[in-house]
Amino acid sequence: MSDQQPSHWPRPPGAPGMYAPPQAREVTASYRRWAGVLTWTAVVVAALMAVALVVSIVFLVWADQDTRNAAYGYLALVLWVGIAAGVPVLIGVAVAARGMRRRVRQQSRPGNAPS
């Protein structure tokens, strides 16, 4: 009997049979506040970019009317560079805000309270 191999080999810690998915922590008031701050930051950045686009078009129209107003064309280009630099910021803030708002909404539903 001592020559036989054991039918059950011990598993090392962290083996697949011992895995449990991580549990989400409770959403705090601070987390909710930051979700709102990020949401409004995305709204403000998007509004500023829209205003910059309209103003740059106005500057191009003014620059096209008279050669003495050619500097407005360069100002329009500066605004376009600002818009191009703001797009990644807007995307990053909007994606983070969306994820945070979704988590806040999921945990605020009845029956989803952490136990």
N, C-alpha and C. Protein backbone atom coordinates (compact mmCIF):
# COMPACT_ATOMS: atom_id res chain seq x y z
N MET A 1 0.80 -1.19 0.00
CA MET A 1 0.00 0.00 0.00
C MET A 1 0.84 1.25 0.00
N SER A 2 1.97 1.22 0.60
CA SER A 2 2.78 2.42 0.67
C SER A 2 3.39 2.77 -0.68
N ASP A 3 3.39 1.83 -1.65
CA ASP A 3 3.93 2.10 -2.98
C ASP A 3 2.98 2.92 -3.85
N GLN A 4 1.73 3.00 -3.51
CA GLN A 4 0.74 3.65 -4.36
C GLN A 4 0.82 5.18 -4.21
N GLN A 5 0.52 5.82 -5.32
CA GLN A 5 0.48 7.29 -5.33
C GLN A 5 -0.83 7.75 -4.71
N PRO A 6 -0.85 8.86 -4.00
CA PRO A 6 -2.12 9.36 -3.46
C PRO A 6 -3.03 9.80 -4.60
N SER A 7 -4.31 9.57 -4.43
CA SER A 7 -5.25 9.92 -5.48
C SER A 7 -5.53 11.43 -5.52
N HIS A 8 -5.18 12.13 -4.48
CA HIS A 8 -5.45 13.56 -4.43
C HIS A 8 -4.14 14.30 -4.13
N TRP A 9 -3.74 15.14 -5.09
CA TRP A 9 -2.54 15.95 -4.87
C TRP A 9 -2.95 17.28 -4.28
N PRO A 10 -2.25 17.77 -3.30
CA PRO A 10 -2.61 19.06 -2.72
C PRO A 10 -2.40 20.18 -3.73
N ARG A 11 -3.33 21.13 -3.76
CA ARG A 11 -3.23 22.26 -4.69
C ARG A 11 -2.43 23.39 -4.04
N PRO A 12 -1.65 24.07 -4.84
CA PRO A 12 -0.93 25.23 -4.29
C PRO A 12 -1.91 26.37 -4.02
N PRO A 13 -1.56 27.28 -3.11
CA PRO A 13 -2.47 28.40 -2.84
C PRO A 13 -2.68 29.23 -4.10
N GLY A 14 -3.87 29.70 -4.28
CA GLY A 14 -4.19 30.52 -5.45
C GLY A 14 -4.54 29.70 -6.67
N ALA A 15 -4.79 28.44 -6.49
CA ALA A 15 -5.15 27.58 -7.62
C ALA A 15 -6.53 27.98 -8.14
N PRO A 16 -6.86 27.65 -9.40
CA PRO A 16 -8.14 28.06 -9.98
C PRO A 16 -9.36 27.66 -9.16
N GLY A 17 -9.31 26.55 -8.46
CA GLY A 17 -10.45 26.14 -7.66
C GLY A 17 -10.69 27.04 -6.46
N MET A 18 -9.71 27.85 -6.10
CA MET A 18 -9.81 28.69 -4.92
C MET A 18 -10.09 30.14 -5.29
N TYR A 19 -10.30 30.42 -6.57
CA TYR A 19 -10.46 31.80 -7.02
C TYR A 19 -11.86 32.32 -6.72
N ALA A 20 -11.91 33.53 -6.24
CA ALA A 20 -13.19 34.22 -6.04
C ALA A 20 -13.05 35.61 -6.65
N PRO A 21 -14.03 36.05 -7.42
CA PRO A 21 -13.92 37.37 -8.05
C PRO A 21 -13.87 38.47 -6.99
N PRO A 22 -13.14 39.54 -7.27
CA PRO A 22 -13.05 40.62 -6.30
C PRO A 22 -14.41 41.28 -6.10
N GLN A 23 -14.66 41.69 -4.89
CA GLN A 23 -15.92 42.36 -4.56
C GLN A 23 -15.71 43.88 -4.63
N ALA A 24 -16.66 44.56 -5.23
CA ALA A 24 -16.58 46.02 -5.32
C ALA A 24 -16.82 46.63 -3.95
N ARG A 25 -16.06 47.68 -3.66
CA ARG A 25 -16.24 48.36 -2.39
C ARG A 25 -17.47 49.26 -2.45
N GLU A 26 -17.91 49.67 -1.29
CA GLU A 26 -19.08 50.53 -1.19
C GLU A 26 -18.76 51.90 -1.78
N VAL A 27 -19.74 52.48 -2.46
CA VAL A 27 -19.58 53.81 -3.03
C VAL A 27 -19.78 54.83 -1.92
N THR A 28 -18.76 55.64 -1.69
CA THR A 28 -18.83 56.63 -0.61
C THR A 28 -19.34 57.96 -1.15
N ALA A 29 -19.62 58.87 -0.22
CA ALA A 29 -20.07 60.21 -0.61
C ALA A 29 -18.98 60.93 -1.39
N SER A 30 -17.74 60.72 -1.01
CA SER A 30 -16.63 61.34 -1.73
C SER A 30 -16.55 60.83 -3.16
N TYR A 31 -16.77 59.53 -3.35
CA TYR A 31 -16.75 58.95 -4.70
C TYR A 31 -17.87 59.55 -5.55
N ARG A 32 -19.05 59.69 -4.95
CA ARG A 32 -20.18 60.30 -5.67
C ARG A 32 -19.85 61.74 -6.06
N ARG A 33 -19.23 62.47 -5.14
CA ARG A 33 -18.88 63.86 -5.40
C ARG A 33 -17.89 63.96 -6.56
N TRP A 34 -16.86 63.09 -6.56
CA TRP A 34 -15.88 63.12 -7.64
C TRP A 34 -16.48 62.69 -8.97
N ALA A 35 -17.45 61.80 -8.93
CA ALA A 35 -18.14 61.43 -10.16
C ALA A 35 -18.86 62.64 -10.74
N GLY A 36 -19.49 63.43 -9.88
CA GLY A 36 -20.15 64.66 -10.34
C GLY A 36 -19.17 65.69 -10.84
N VAL A 37 -18.04 65.82 -10.14
CA VAL A 37 -17.01 66.79 -10.56
C VAL A 37 -16.47 66.42 -11.93
N LEU A 38 -16.18 65.15 -12.14
CA LEU A 38 -15.66 64.73 -13.44
C LEU A 38 -16.70 64.90 -14.55
N THR A 39 -17.96 64.64 -14.23
CA THR A 39 -19.01 64.82 -15.23
C THR A 39 -19.10 66.28 -15.64
N TRP A 40 -19.13 67.17 -14.67
CA TRP A 40 -19.23 68.60 -15.00
C TRP A 40 -17.96 69.12 -15.66
N THR A 41 -16.82 68.54 -15.32
CA THR A 41 -15.58 68.93 -16.00
C THR A 41 -15.65 68.57 -17.48
N ALA A 42 -16.17 67.40 -17.78
CA ALA A 42 -16.31 67.00 -19.19
C ALA A 42 -17.28 67.92 -19.92
N VAL A 43 -18.36 68.31 -19.26
CA VAL A 43 -19.34 69.22 -19.88
C VAL A 43 -18.71 70.58 -20.15
N VAL A 44 -17.95 71.10 -19.19
CA VAL A 44 -17.33 72.42 -19.35
C VAL A 44 -16.27 72.39 -20.45
N VAL A 45 -15.45 71.34 -20.47
CA VAL A 45 -14.42 71.24 -21.51
C VAL A 45 -15.07 71.14 -22.89
N ALA A 46 -16.13 70.37 -23.02
CA ALA A 46 -16.82 70.25 -24.31
C ALA A 46 -17.42 71.59 -24.72
N ALA A 47 -18.00 72.32 -23.77
CA ALA A 47 -18.57 73.64 -24.09
C ALA A 47 -17.48 74.62 -24.51
N LEU A 48 -16.35 74.62 -23.82
CA LEU A 48 -15.25 75.51 -24.20
C LEU A 48 -14.72 75.17 -25.59
N MET A 49 -14.66 73.90 -25.90
CA MET A 49 -14.19 73.51 -27.23
C MET A 49 -15.18 73.94 -28.32
N ALA A 50 -16.46 73.85 -28.03
CA ALA A 50 -17.46 74.29 -29.01
C ALA A 50 -17.37 75.80 -29.22
N VAL A 51 -17.21 76.55 -28.15
CA VAL A 51 -17.07 78.01 -28.27
C VAL A 51 -15.80 78.35 -29.04
N ALA A 52 -14.71 77.65 -28.75
CA ALA A 52 -13.45 77.91 -29.47
C ALA A 52 -13.60 77.62 -30.96
N LEU A 53 -14.36 76.61 -31.31
CA LEU A 53 -14.57 76.31 -32.73
C LEU A 53 -15.35 77.43 -33.42
N VAL A 54 -16.40 77.90 -32.77
CA VAL A 54 -17.20 78.99 -33.36
C VAL A 54 -16.36 80.26 -33.47
N VAL A 55 -15.61 80.58 -32.43
CA VAL A 55 -14.78 81.79 -32.45
C VAL A 55 -13.71 81.68 -33.53
N SER A 56 -13.13 80.51 -33.72
CA SER A 56 -12.11 80.36 -34.76
C SER A 56 -12.70 80.56 -36.15
N ILE A 57 -13.93 80.12 -36.36
CA ILE A 57 -14.58 80.35 -37.66
C ILE A 57 -14.84 81.83 -37.87
N VAL A 58 -15.26 82.51 -36.82
CA VAL A 58 -15.46 83.97 -36.91
C VAL A 58 -14.14 84.66 -37.22
N PHE A 59 -13.05 84.23 -36.55
CA PHE A 59 -11.74 84.82 -36.83
C PHE A 59 -11.33 84.60 -38.28
N LEU A 60 -11.62 83.43 -38.82
CA LEU A 60 -11.26 83.17 -40.23
C LEU A 60 -12.06 84.06 -41.17
N VAL A 61 -13.32 84.30 -40.85
CA VAL A 61 -14.13 85.18 -41.68
C VAL A 61 -13.57 86.60 -41.64
N TRP A 62 -13.20 87.07 -40.44
CA TRP A 62 -12.64 88.42 -40.32
C TRP A 62 -11.31 88.52 -41.06
N ALA A 63 -10.48 87.48 -40.96
CA ALA A 63 -9.18 87.50 -41.63
C ALA A 63 -9.35 87.48 -43.14
N ASP A 64 -10.41 86.87 -43.62
CA ASP A 64 -10.63 86.78 -45.05
C ASP A 64 -11.18 88.07 -45.65
N GLN A 65 -11.81 88.90 -44.81
CA GLN A 65 -12.43 90.12 -45.30
C GLN A 65 -11.41 91.18 -45.69
N ASP A 66 -10.33 91.29 -44.94
CA ASP A 66 -9.37 92.37 -45.17
C ASP A 66 -7.98 91.87 -44.82
N THR A 67 -6.99 92.28 -45.61
CA THR A 67 -5.62 91.84 -45.35
C THR A 67 -5.05 92.44 -44.07
N ARG A 68 -5.61 93.56 -43.61
CA ARG A 68 -5.13 94.16 -42.35
C ARG A 68 -5.56 93.33 -41.14
N ASN A 69 -6.49 92.41 -41.31
CA ASN A 69 -6.96 91.55 -40.23
C ASN A 69 -6.41 90.13 -40.34
N ALA A 70 -5.26 89.98 -40.99
CA ALA A 70 -4.69 88.65 -41.22
C ALA A 70 -4.30 87.96 -39.91
N ALA A 71 -4.05 88.73 -38.87
CA ALA A 71 -3.65 88.13 -37.59
C ALA A 71 -4.76 87.26 -37.00
N TYR A 72 -6.01 87.56 -37.36
CA TYR A 72 -7.11 86.74 -36.86
C TYR A 72 -7.03 85.30 -37.38
N GLY A 73 -6.49 85.14 -38.56
CA GLY A 73 -6.29 83.79 -39.10
C GLY A 73 -5.32 82.99 -38.24
N TYR A 74 -4.28 83.66 -37.77
CA TYR A 74 -3.33 82.97 -36.90
C TYR A 74 -3.96 82.66 -35.54
N LEU A 75 -4.81 83.56 -35.06
CA LEU A 75 -5.52 83.28 -33.82
C LEU A 75 -6.44 82.06 -33.97
N ALA A 76 -7.05 81.95 -35.15
CA ALA A 76 -7.89 80.78 -35.41
C ALA A 76 -7.05 79.50 -35.37
N LEU A 77 -5.86 79.55 -35.93
CA LEU A 77 -4.99 78.38 -35.89
C LEU A 77 -4.59 78.03 -34.45
N VAL A 78 -4.34 79.04 -33.64
CA VAL A 78 -4.01 78.79 -32.23
C VAL A 78 -5.19 78.12 -31.53
N LEU A 79 -6.40 78.56 -31.82
CA LEU A 79 -7.58 77.93 -31.23
C LEU A 79 -7.73 76.48 -31.67
N TRP A 80 -7.42 76.20 -32.95
CA TRP A 80 -7.50 74.82 -33.43
C TRP A 80 -6.49 73.93 -32.72
N VAL A 81 -5.30 74.47 -32.45
CA VAL A 81 -4.29 73.69 -31.71
C VAL A 81 -4.81 73.41 -30.29
N GLY A 82 -5.46 74.42 -29.69
CA GLY A 82 -6.05 74.21 -28.36
C GLY A 82 -7.15 73.16 -28.38
N ILE A 83 -7.96 73.19 -29.43
CA ILE A 83 -9.02 72.18 -29.55
C ILE A 83 -8.40 70.79 -29.72
N ALA A 84 -7.37 70.69 -30.56
CA ALA A 84 -6.72 69.39 -30.77
C ALA A 84 -6.07 68.89 -29.49
N ALA A 85 -5.54 69.78 -28.67
CA ALA A 85 -4.93 69.37 -27.40
C ALA A 85 -6.01 69.00 -26.38
N GLY A 86 -7.19 69.59 -26.50
CA GLY A 86 -8.25 69.33 -25.55
C GLY A 86 -9.03 68.05 -25.80
N VAL A 87 -8.96 67.52 -27.01
CA VAL A 87 -9.72 66.30 -27.34
C VAL A 87 -9.31 65.11 -26.47
N PRO A 88 -8.01 64.82 -26.30
CA PRO A 88 -7.66 63.70 -25.42
C PRO A 88 -8.07 63.93 -23.97
N VAL A 89 -7.99 65.18 -23.53
CA VAL A 89 -8.43 65.50 -22.16
C VAL A 89 -9.92 65.23 -22.03
N LEU A 90 -10.69 65.68 -23.00
CA LEU A 90 -12.14 65.47 -22.97
C LEU A 90 -12.48 63.99 -22.97
N ILE A 91 -11.81 63.23 -23.81
CA ILE A 91 -12.09 61.79 -23.88
C ILE A 91 -11.74 61.11 -22.55
N GLY A 92 -10.59 61.44 -21.99
CA GLY A 92 -10.19 60.83 -20.73
C GLY A 92 -11.13 61.15 -19.58
N VAL A 93 -11.52 62.41 -19.48
CA VAL A 93 -12.41 62.81 -18.40
C VAL A 93 -13.80 62.20 -18.60
N ALA A 94 -14.27 62.19 -19.84
CA ALA A 94 -15.61 61.65 -20.11
C ALA A 94 -15.68 60.15 -19.85
N VAL A 95 -14.65 59.42 -20.22
CA VAL A 95 -14.66 57.97 -20.00
C VAL A 95 -14.61 57.66 -18.50
N ALA A 96 -13.76 58.38 -17.77
CA ALA A 96 -13.68 58.16 -16.32
C ALA A 96 -15.00 58.53 -15.64
N ALA A 97 -15.59 59.64 -16.05
CA ALA A 97 -16.85 60.08 -15.44
C ALA A 97 -17.96 59.08 -15.74
N ARG A 98 -17.98 58.55 -16.95
CA ARG A 98 -19.03 57.59 -17.31
C ARG A 98 -18.92 56.33 -16.46
N GLY A 99 -17.71 55.82 -16.29
CA GLY A 99 -17.53 54.63 -15.47
C GLY A 99 -17.90 54.86 -14.02
N MET A 100 -17.53 56.01 -13.49
CA MET A 100 -17.86 56.31 -12.10
C MET A 100 -19.37 56.49 -11.93
N ARG A 101 -20.01 57.19 -12.85
CA ARG A 101 -21.46 57.39 -12.75
C ARG A 101 -22.21 56.07 -12.85
N ARG A 102 -21.73 55.17 -13.71
CA ARG A 102 -22.37 53.86 -13.86
C ARG A 102 -22.27 53.08 -12.56
N ARG A 103 -21.10 53.12 -11.92
CA ARG A 103 -20.94 52.40 -10.65
C ARG A 103 -21.82 52.99 -9.56
N VAL A 104 -21.92 54.32 -9.51
CA VAL A 104 -22.79 54.97 -8.53
C VAL A 104 -24.24 54.58 -8.77
N ARG A 105 -24.65 54.58 -10.02
CA ARG A 105 -26.03 54.24 -10.36
C ARG A 105 -26.34 52.78 -10.02
N GLN A 106 -25.41 51.87 -10.30
CA GLN A 106 -25.64 50.46 -10.02
C GLN A 106 -25.77 50.21 -8.52
N GLN A 107 -24.96 50.86 -7.72
CA GLN A 107 -25.03 50.60 -6.29
C GLN A 107 -26.13 51.37 -5.60
N SER A 108 -26.72 52.35 -6.28
CA SER A 108 -27.82 53.09 -5.65
C SER A 108 -29.17 52.44 -5.94
N ARG A 109 -29.22 51.44 -6.81
CA ARG A 109 -30.48 50.73 -7.08
C ARG A 109 -30.86 49.89 -5.87
N PRO A 110 -32.15 49.74 -5.63
CA PRO A 110 -32.59 48.87 -4.52
C PRO A 110 -32.18 47.43 -4.79
N GLY A 111 -31.71 46.78 -3.78
CA GLY A 111 -31.32 45.38 -3.92
C GLY A 111 -29.86 45.20 -4.28
N ASN A 112 -29.14 46.28 -4.58
CA ASN A 112 -27.73 46.19 -4.93
C ASN A 112 -26.84 46.76 -3.84
N ALA A 113 -27.38 46.97 -2.69
CA ALA A 113 -26.58 47.51 -1.59
C ALA A 113 -25.55 46.49 -1.17
N PRO A 114 -24.33 46.95 -0.87
CA PRO A 114 -23.30 46.00 -0.44
C PRO A 114 -23.65 45.37 0.89
N SER A 115 -23.31 44.13 1.05
CA SER A 115 -23.65 43.44 2.30
C SER A 115 -22.44 43.29 3.19
